[in-house]
Protein backbone atom coordinates (compact mmCIF):
# COMPACT_ATOMS: atom_id res chain seq x y z
CA MET A 1 97.39 102.37 72.64
CA ALA A 2 99.07 99.25 72.05
CA PRO A 3 97.07 96.05 72.77
CA LEU A 4 97.47 94.10 76.11
CA PRO A 5 100.13 91.60 75.85
CA GLU A 6 98.86 87.75 75.62
CA HIS A 7 98.55 85.37 78.56
CA VAL A 8 98.20 87.96 81.26
CA LEU A 9 97.32 87.13 84.79
CA ILE A 10 97.20 89.13 87.93
CA ARG A 11 97.65 87.61 91.29
CA PRO A 12 99.01 88.55 94.86
CA LEU A 13 102.69 88.51 95.34
CA GLY A 14 104.66 86.45 97.48
CA SER A 15 108.22 85.89 98.82
CA ALA A 16 109.24 83.78 95.51
CA ASP A 17 108.54 87.19 93.52
CA ILE A 18 110.98 89.33 95.57
CA GLU A 19 113.89 88.94 92.92
CA GLN A 20 111.57 89.87 90.04
CA VAL A 21 109.95 92.83 92.04
CA VAL A 22 113.67 94.11 93.05
CA LYS A 23 114.54 93.88 89.17
CA LEU A 24 111.49 95.60 87.89
CA GLU A 25 111.85 98.39 90.67
CA SER A 26 115.62 99.08 89.43
CA GLN A 27 114.36 99.60 85.91
CA THR A 28 111.47 101.85 86.84
CA PHE A 29 112.65 104.08 89.63
CA PRO A 30 115.76 106.29 90.17
CA SER A 31 117.84 104.89 93.01
CA ASN A 32 116.62 107.47 95.71
CA GLU A 33 112.99 106.51 94.93
CA ARG A 34 113.46 102.56 95.14
CA ALA A 35 112.15 100.61 98.14
CA GLY A 36 114.96 97.99 97.82
CA ARG A 37 115.20 94.32 98.59
CA GLU A 38 115.00 94.80 102.49
CA LYS A 39 111.77 96.66 102.41
CA ALA A 40 110.13 94.63 99.52
CA ARG A 41 110.83 91.42 101.72
CA TYR A 42 109.25 92.96 104.78
CA ARG A 43 106.08 94.20 103.11
CA LEU A 44 105.38 90.72 101.32
CA HIS A 45 105.99 89.10 104.55
CA ALA A 46 103.93 91.44 106.54
CA ALA A 47 100.79 92.01 104.23
CA PRO A 48 101.13 89.64 100.87
CA GLU A 49 97.43 90.06 100.41
CA LEU A 50 97.88 93.82 100.03
CA SER A 51 99.86 93.53 96.73
CA SER A 52 99.06 92.53 93.11
CA GLY A 53 101.45 91.38 90.24
CA MET A 54 100.78 91.38 86.66
CA PHE A 55 102.52 88.51 84.80
CA VAL A 56 102.97 87.34 81.31
CA ARG A 57 104.01 83.82 80.37
CA VAL A 58 107.26 83.63 78.40
CA PRO A 59 108.90 80.53 76.97
CA THR A 60 111.95 79.35 78.48
CA LYS A 61 115.42 79.25 76.43
CA LYS A 62 115.00 76.75 73.65
CA GLY A 63 111.58 75.92 74.78
CA ARG A 64 113.12 73.50 77.55
CA CYS A 65 112.11 73.34 81.13
CA SER A 66 113.71 75.88 83.27
CA LYS A 67 114.79 74.07 86.55
CA ARG A 68 114.33 77.24 88.48
CA ASP A 69 110.87 78.32 87.10
CA CYS A 70 109.28 75.02 86.78
CA PRO A 71 107.46 73.40 89.39
CA ARG A 72 108.98 70.35 88.64
CA SER A 73 112.16 71.60 90.05
CA GLN A 74 111.01 70.46 93.44
CA ARG A 75 112.03 66.90 92.52
CA SER A 76 115.36 65.91 91.06
CA HIS A 77 116.18 66.34 87.53
CA SER A 78 118.29 63.68 86.09
CA SER A 79 121.44 64.64 83.91
CA ASP A 80 119.67 63.73 80.74
CA SER A 81 116.32 65.27 81.55
CA ALA A 82 116.91 67.92 78.63
CA SER A 83 116.91 65.50 76.12
CA SER A 84 114.20 63.10 77.24
CA THR A 85 110.50 63.67 76.32
CA SER A 86 107.43 63.84 78.45
CA THR A 87 103.67 63.18 78.00
CA VAL A 88 100.74 64.22 80.04
CA SER A 89 98.80 61.72 81.86
CA SER A 90 95.27 62.41 83.78
CA THR A 91 95.97 59.98 86.34
CA SER A 92 96.20 61.80 89.67
CA THR A 93 97.66 61.33 93.15
CA SER A 94 96.53 62.74 96.38
CA SER A 95 99.06 65.45 96.54
CA GLN A 96 98.24 66.94 93.00
CA PRO A 97 95.21 69.27 92.88
CA SER A 98 94.65 69.30 89.38
CA GLY A 99 95.13 65.66 88.46
CA LEU A 100 97.92 66.20 85.68
CA GLN A 101 101.17 64.45 85.96
CA PHE A 102 104.17 64.26 83.58
CA ARG A 103 104.93 60.67 82.44
CA GLN A 104 108.48 60.03 81.68
CA GLN A 105 109.48 58.40 78.43
CA ASP A 106 109.85 54.99 79.82
CA GLY A 107 106.13 55.20 81.21
CA SER A 108 106.96 55.72 84.71
CA LEU A 109 105.40 58.46 86.89
CA PRO A 110 107.83 61.08 88.68
CA ALA A 111 107.49 61.54 92.43
CA PRO A 112 104.30 63.73 93.30
CA ILE A 113 104.90 67.38 93.34
CA GLU A 114 104.43 69.00 97.06
CA TYR A 115 102.63 72.15 96.32
CA ASN A 116 103.10 75.20 98.51
CA ASP A 117 103.13 79.06 98.60
CA GLU A 118 106.54 79.18 96.76
CA ILE A 119 105.44 77.05 93.63
CA ASN A 120 103.07 78.32 90.82
CA ILE A 121 100.76 75.39 90.37
CA THR A 122 99.89 76.77 86.89
CA ALA A 123 103.48 76.96 85.57
CA CYS A 124 103.96 75.33 82.26
CA PRO A 125 107.27 73.11 81.97
CA ARG A 126 108.32 75.11 78.93
CA SER A 127 107.61 78.64 80.15
CA ARG A 128 107.68 81.05 83.12
CA GLU A 129 106.02 83.86 84.66
CA LYS A 130 107.52 87.31 83.87
CA LEU A 131 106.49 90.03 86.14
CA ILE A 132 105.61 93.23 84.16
CA ALA A 133 103.59 95.31 86.86
CA PHE A 134 103.03 95.34 90.35
CA VAL A 135 101.58 97.18 93.31
CA ILE A 136 102.80 96.61 96.84
CA ALA A 137 100.97 98.08 99.85
CA THR A 138 100.83 97.94 103.71
CA LYS A 139 98.35 99.35 106.15
CA CYS A 140 98.91 102.62 108.20
CA ALA A 141 96.87 104.09 110.99
CA THR A 142 96.97 107.68 109.37
CA GLU A 143 94.90 109.14 106.62
CA TYR A 144 98.10 109.75 104.45
CA ILE A 145 101.19 107.94 104.12
CA THR A 146 104.09 109.05 106.42
CA ASP A 147 107.78 108.60 106.54
CA ASP A 148 107.23 106.08 109.34
CA ALA A 149 104.79 104.07 107.41
CA LEU A 150 107.38 103.44 104.82
CA GLU A 151 110.06 102.26 107.31
CA ILE A 152 110.51 98.71 108.78
CA PRO A 153 109.89 98.48 112.36
CA GLU A 154 113.14 97.90 114.29
CA VAL A 155 112.11 94.37 115.90
CA ASP A 156 111.18 93.06 112.39
CA LYS A 157 114.55 93.67 110.61
CA GLN A 158 115.86 90.25 111.40
CA ALA A 159 112.74 87.88 111.71
CA TYR A 160 110.31 89.72 109.50
CA ARG A 161 107.47 88.55 111.67
CA LYS A 162 104.06 90.27 111.00
CA PRO A 163 104.11 93.41 112.75
CA THR A 164 101.22 94.36 115.36
CA GLU A 165 100.31 97.47 117.23
CA VAL A 166 103.17 97.04 119.87
CA ASN A 167 105.49 98.18 116.98
CA GLY A 168 104.11 101.71 116.86
CA GLN A 169 103.36 103.42 113.68
CA ARG A 170 106.60 102.21 111.74
CA GLY A 171 106.00 99.81 108.73
CA HIS A 172 102.69 97.88 108.53
CA VAL A 173 99.88 98.82 111.11
CA GLU A 174 97.58 95.68 110.90
CA THR A 175 94.79 97.55 112.81
CA GLY A 176 95.29 100.66 110.25
CA ASN A 177 92.36 101.75 108.25
CA THR A 178 94.36 103.13 105.44
CA ILE A 179 96.18 101.01 102.80
CA ALA A 180 99.22 102.74 102.03
CA VAL A 181 100.26 101.95 98.44
CA ASP A 182 104.15 101.92 98.95
CA SER A 183 104.99 101.25 95.25
CA ILE A 184 103.38 101.03 91.64
CA CYS A 185 105.65 99.69 88.80
CA VAL A 186 105.20 98.97 85.16
CA ASP A 187 107.86 97.59 83.03
CA PRO A 188 109.23 100.12 80.41
CA GLU A 189 108.99 97.45 77.81
CA TYR A 190 105.13 97.24 78.43
CA GLN A 191 104.30 100.99 78.93
CA GLY A 192 101.70 102.34 76.68
CA MET A 193 99.46 99.64 77.17
CA LYS A 194 97.58 101.16 80.23
CA LEU A 195 98.79 98.28 82.32
CA GLY A 196 99.08 100.73 85.37
CA THR A 197 95.55 101.54 85.10
CA THR A 198 94.45 97.98 84.69
CA ILE A 199 96.40 96.44 87.66
CA LEU A 200 95.47 99.64 89.88
CA ARG A 201 91.60 99.40 89.22
CA ASP A 202 91.75 95.56 89.74
CA PHE A 203 93.81 96.26 93.00
CA VAL A 204 91.16 98.88 94.19
CA GLN A 205 88.16 96.63 93.48
CA ARG A 206 89.76 93.56 95.32
CA MET A 207 90.64 95.93 98.40
CA SER A 208 87.11 97.23 98.37
CA THR A 209 85.37 93.97 97.90
CA GLN A 210 87.67 92.32 100.88
CA ALA A 211 86.82 95.33 103.02
CA VAL A 212 90.13 95.33 104.54
CA ALA A 213 90.53 99.19 105.08
CA GLY A 214 88.34 102.24 104.63
CA ARG A 215 90.60 104.02 102.09
CA ILE A 216 93.71 103.96 100.15
CA ALA A 217 96.60 106.31 99.95
CA ILE A 218 99.15 107.04 97.58
CA LEU A 219 102.32 109.41 97.22
CA ALA A 220 102.64 110.96 93.68
CA ARG A 221 104.56 113.57 91.93
CA GLU A 222 102.51 116.77 91.12
CA ASP A 223 102.60 115.69 87.43
CA MET A 224 101.20 112.37 87.88
CA ALA A 225 98.33 113.46 90.16
CA PRO A 226 95.93 113.65 86.86
CA PHE A 227 96.62 110.19 86.31
CA TYR A 228 95.22 109.00 89.66
CA GLU A 229 92.41 111.60 89.85
CA ASN A 230 91.15 109.98 86.55
CA LEU A 231 90.95 106.83 88.47
CA GLY A 232 88.70 108.21 91.11
CA PHE A 233 91.64 109.42 93.65
CA TYR A 234 91.60 112.77 95.27
CA ASP A 235 94.57 115.23 95.57
CA GLY A 236 95.14 116.09 99.26
CA GLY A 237 97.92 118.30 98.40
CA PRO A 238 101.43 118.40 99.23
CA SER A 239 102.74 115.63 101.52
CA THR A 240 105.37 116.16 104.23
CA VAL A 241 107.04 112.68 103.30
CA LYS A 242 110.74 113.29 102.82
CA PHE A 243 111.53 109.95 101.18
CA GLY A 244 113.04 110.13 97.75
CA GLY A 245 113.85 113.98 98.21
CA GLY A 246 110.32 114.85 99.21
CA GLY A 247 108.03 116.91 96.72
CA TRP A 248 105.12 114.26 96.86
CA HIS A 249 101.48 114.95 96.85
CA ASN A 250 98.87 112.84 98.92
CA LEU A 251 96.18 111.06 96.63
CA TRP A 252 93.57 109.12 98.47
CA MET A 253 90.35 107.22 97.78
CA SER A 254 87.51 106.19 99.98
CA LEU A 255 86.86 102.37 99.58
CA GLU A 256 83.60 102.78 101.49
CA ASP A 257 82.37 104.82 98.34
CA ASN A 258 83.51 101.91 96.08
CA GLU A 259 82.01 98.94 97.58
CA VAL A 260 81.07 96.16 95.14
CA ASP A 261 77.78 94.85 95.64
CA ASP A 262 77.31 91.04 95.87
């Protein structure tokens, strides 16, 4: 087994990660088994807390700050910013949580960064986060995943508001007791490092600790069932789900049996 890549971090996914999610999914699944951009966007709006992304930090081209990936892109970049140098000052302003600022070559401080959910406050100006594995889930009111659970409620196709019980059983059901894992992906370049095992175990532990539901359900091909069984899941037999051509098996795990003591 190859060693884990360096500078790995796991965190919940957000709307800013959708492009990387869609790209990684297209590299991993055949077209008929992909959720696609619309469903990815819906799920990360409806239940971002039920997702995990594994990232590695990679340098930007030529070691320069990438305007799109760097949090400093939230303020203006001058045309000659690529050729200027910066140093780090420990002076802080009220809008910065860490106290670190980038001082310009002339000694002046730039405008404060307004941090929000769309900006990674740990981002390095000479690197970016690359998504190499993820778990995305919603909640359903049934014991196993159904075709309805994998759909988007009609009322949410435009606004992507967080669904409630009024939307029936389609898509995310906030009051559901089953965490329905809609997608698990590992970058083909990083396979063989047990990243799938690592991120899934981390996900199960977090869901158990937060006590957001009583069980987890996953759809898997029959030949993949042993992988999940080795992680503590049970094979509930063939699924009735037709998505992706059918032929799935119901894998499930009780979170009540995996509670983590304080």
